C-alpha atoms as a PDB file:
ATOM      1  CA  MET A   1      78.927  91.565 120.009  1.00  0.00           C
ATOM      2  CA  LYS A   2      78.257  95.048 119.460  1.00  0.00           C
ATOM      3  CA  ILE A   3      81.408  97.486 118.409  1.00  0.00           C
ATOM      4  CA  ASP A   4      81.020 100.605 120.255  1.00  0.00           C
ATOM      5  CA  ASN A   5      83.317 103.542 120.879  1.00  0.00           C
ATOM      6  CA  ALA A   6      84.016 102.671 124.068  1.00  0.00           C
ATOM      7  CA  LEU A   7      86.053  99.359 123.020  1.00  0.00           C
ATOM      8  CA  VAL A   8      87.337 101.091 119.971  1.00  0.00           C
ATOM      9  CA  ASP A   9      89.104 103.595 123.135  1.00  0.00           C
ATOM     10  CA  HIS A  10      90.026 100.158 125.082  1.00  0.00           C
ATOM     11  CA  LEU A  11      91.838  98.731 121.981  1.00  0.00           C
ATOM     12  CA  ALA A  12      93.844 102.079 121.217  1.00  0.00           C
ATOM     13  CA  ARG A  13      94.565 102.427 124.229  1.00  0.00           C
ATOM     14  CA  LEU A  14      96.076  99.096 124.794  1.00  0.00           C
ATOM     15  CA  SER A  15      97.958  99.216 121.153  1.00  0.00           C
ATOM     16  CA  LYS A  16      99.029 102.602 122.261  1.00  0.00           C
ATOM     17  CA  LEU A  17      97.311 104.177 119.309  1.00  0.00           C
ATOM     18  CA  GLU A  18      95.728 107.271 118.527  1.00  0.00           C
ATOM     19  CA  PHE A  19      92.590 107.499 116.387  1.00  0.00           C
ATOM     20  CA  GLU A  20      91.218 110.731 115.304  1.00  0.00           C
ATOM     21  CA  GLU A  21      86.840 110.603 115.256  1.00  0.00           C
ATOM     22  CA  SER A  22      87.133 109.791 111.347  1.00  0.00           C
ATOM     23  CA  GLU A  23      88.745 106.995 111.684  1.00  0.00           C
ATOM     24  CA  THR A  24      86.956 105.524 114.823  1.00  0.00           C
ATOM     25  CA  GLU A  25      84.014 105.302 112.911  1.00  0.00           C
ATOM     26  CA  ARG A  26      85.910 103.483 109.926  1.00  0.00           C
ATOM     27  CA  ILE A  27      87.534 101.042 112.782  1.00  0.00           C
ATOM     28  CA  LYS A  28      84.461 100.373 114.473  1.00  0.00           C
ATOM     29  CA  LYS A  29      82.719  99.129 110.979  1.00  0.00           C
ATOM     30  CA  ASP A  30      85.891  97.063 110.329  1.00  0.00           C
ATOM     31  CA  LEU A  31      85.677  95.274 113.613  1.00  0.00           C
ATOM     32  CA  GLN A  32      82.585  95.001 113.582  1.00  0.00           C
ATOM     33  CA  GLY A  33      82.324  93.499 110.194  1.00  0.00           C
ATOM     34  CA  ILE A  34      85.535  90.601 111.521  1.00  0.00           C
ATOM     35  CA  VAL A  35      83.316  89.982 114.648  1.00  0.00           C
ATOM     36  CA  ASP A  36      80.088  89.150 112.236  1.00  0.00           C
ATOM     37  CA  LEU A  37      82.283  86.981 110.276  1.00  0.00           C
ATOM     38  CA  VAL A  38      83.914  85.237 113.457  1.00  0.00           C
ATOM     39  CA  GLU A  39      79.951  84.792 114.481  1.00  0.00           C
ATOM     40  CA  GLN A  40      79.167  83.478 111.171  1.00  0.00           C
ATOM     41  CA  LEU A  41      82.012  80.574 110.964  1.00  0.00           C
ATOM     42  CA  GLU A  42      81.220  79.367 114.498  1.00  0.00           C
ATOM     43  CA  GLU A  43      77.731  78.398 112.789  1.00  0.00           C
ATOM     44  CA  VAL A  44      79.085  76.249 110.955  1.00  0.00           C
ATOM     45  CA  ASP A  45      78.878  72.302 112.112  1.00  0.00           C
ATOM     46  CA  VAL A  46      82.436  70.960 111.618  1.00  0.00           C
ATOM     47  CA  THR A  47      81.232  67.266 113.737  1.00  0.00           C
ATOM     48  CA  GLY A  48      83.634  65.029 112.554  1.00  0.00           C
ATOM     49  CA  VAL A  49      86.056  67.077 110.377  1.00  0.00           C
ATOM     50  CA  GLU A  50      89.564  66.780 111.199  1.00  0.00           C
ATOM     51  CA  PRO A  51      91.622  69.515 112.017  1.00  0.00           C
ATOM     52  CA  LEU A  52      93.939  70.308 108.906  1.00  0.00           C
ATOM     53  CA  ILE A  53      97.361  70.905 110.153  1.00  0.00           C
ATOM     54  CA  TYR A  54      99.496  70.799 106.969  1.00  0.00           C
ATOM     55  CA  MET A  55      98.076  71.661 103.609  1.00  0.00           C
ATOM     56  CA  SER A  56      99.632  68.713 101.273  1.00  0.00           C
ATOM     57  CA  GLU A  57     100.544  65.110 102.685  1.00  0.00           C
ATOM     58  CA  GLU A  58     104.385  66.080 102.204  1.00  0.00           C
ATOM     59  CA  ARG A  59     106.071  66.756 105.453  1.00  0.00           C
ATOM     60  CA  ASN A  60     109.574  68.369 105.979  1.00  0.00           C
ATOM     61  CA  VAL A  61     110.295  68.619 102.224  1.00  0.00           C
ATOM     62  CA  LEU A  62     113.777  70.307 102.863  1.00  0.00           C
ATOM     63  CA  ARG A  63     116.106  70.293  99.969  1.00  0.00           C
ATOM     64  CA  LYS A  64     119.808  69.491  99.569  1.00  0.00           C
ATOM     65  CA  ASP A  65     121.839  72.017 101.299  1.00  0.00           C
ATOM     66  CA  PHE A  66     125.532  72.073 100.129  1.00  0.00           C
ATOM     67  CA  VAL A  67     128.253  74.435 100.038  1.00  0.00           C
ATOM     68  CA  GLN A  68     128.856  76.469  96.867  1.00  0.00           C
ATOM     69  CA  GLY A  69     131.035  79.581  95.903  1.00  0.00           C
ATOM     70  CA  GLU A  70     132.855  79.832  98.872  1.00  0.00           C
ATOM     71  CA  ILE A  71     134.985  83.284  98.873  1.00  0.00           C
ATOM     72  CA  SER A  72     138.034  83.987 101.207  1.00  0.00           C
ATOM     73  CA  ARG A  73     138.061  85.946 104.223  1.00  0.00           C
ATOM     74  CA  GLU A  74     140.323  88.678 102.427  1.00  0.00           C
ATOM     75  CA  GLU A  75     137.769  88.371  99.271  1.00  0.00           C
ATOM     76  CA  ALA A  76     135.068  88.939 101.530  1.00  0.00           C
ATOM     77  CA  LEU A  77     136.794  92.270 103.348  1.00  0.00           C
ATOM     78  CA  GLN A  78     137.826  93.681 100.355  1.00  0.00           C
ATOM     79  CA  ASN A  79     134.850  96.150  99.924  1.00  0.00           C
ATOM     80  CA  ALA A  80     134.319  96.816 102.918  1.00  0.00           C
ATOM     81  CA  PRO A  81     134.768 100.774 103.528  1.00  0.00           C
ATOM     82  CA  GLN A  82     137.132 100.552 106.892  1.00  0.00           C
ATOM     83  CA  ARG A  83     137.690  97.101 108.197  1.00  0.00           C
ATOM     84  CA  ASP A  84     140.073  96.176 111.687  1.00  0.00           C
ATOM     85  CA  SER A  85     142.204  93.254 110.909  1.00  0.00           C
ATOM     86  CA  ASP A  86     139.328  90.070 109.902  1.00  0.00           C
ATOM     87  CA  TYR A  87     136.570  92.244 110.811  1.00  0.00           C
ATOM     88  CA  TYR A  88     134.227  94.993 109.423  1.00  0.00           C
ATOM     89  CA  LYS A  89     134.394  98.080 111.257  1.00  0.00           C
ATOM     90  CA  VAL A  90     130.865  99.921 111.753  1.00  0.00           C
ATOM     91  CA  PRO A  91     130.090 103.187 113.489  1.00  0.00           C
ATOM     92  CA  LYS A  92     128.618 102.553 117.186  1.00  0.00           C
ATOM     93  CA  VAL A  93     125.292 102.962 117.213  1.00  0.00           C
ATOM     94  CA  ILE A  94     124.464 101.796 120.616  1.00  0.00           C
ATOM     95  CA  SER A  95     125.214 104.088 123.555  1.00  0.00           C
ATOM     96  CA  LYS A  96     125.492 103.375 127.407  1.00  0.00           C
END
């Protein structure tokens, strides 16, 4: 696959990006390198190779979860710059 200016312009339009001419040349070169690498990988014979799902034989190794260091609601709110009974008071950031 050959990467040209039309393809880079099309990808830029789809991703809502704008590039200068010097950037377009660098992006063409980078994209061509990626495509070349994928084409090289497609040539590898993987007949009989099982797909890799996990990096090791271990599955779902989870740590024990336990509660520690609880604090009361009053302790949690003591450093709040503003509060309203049991809640933090914050500036409104969404307008109608």
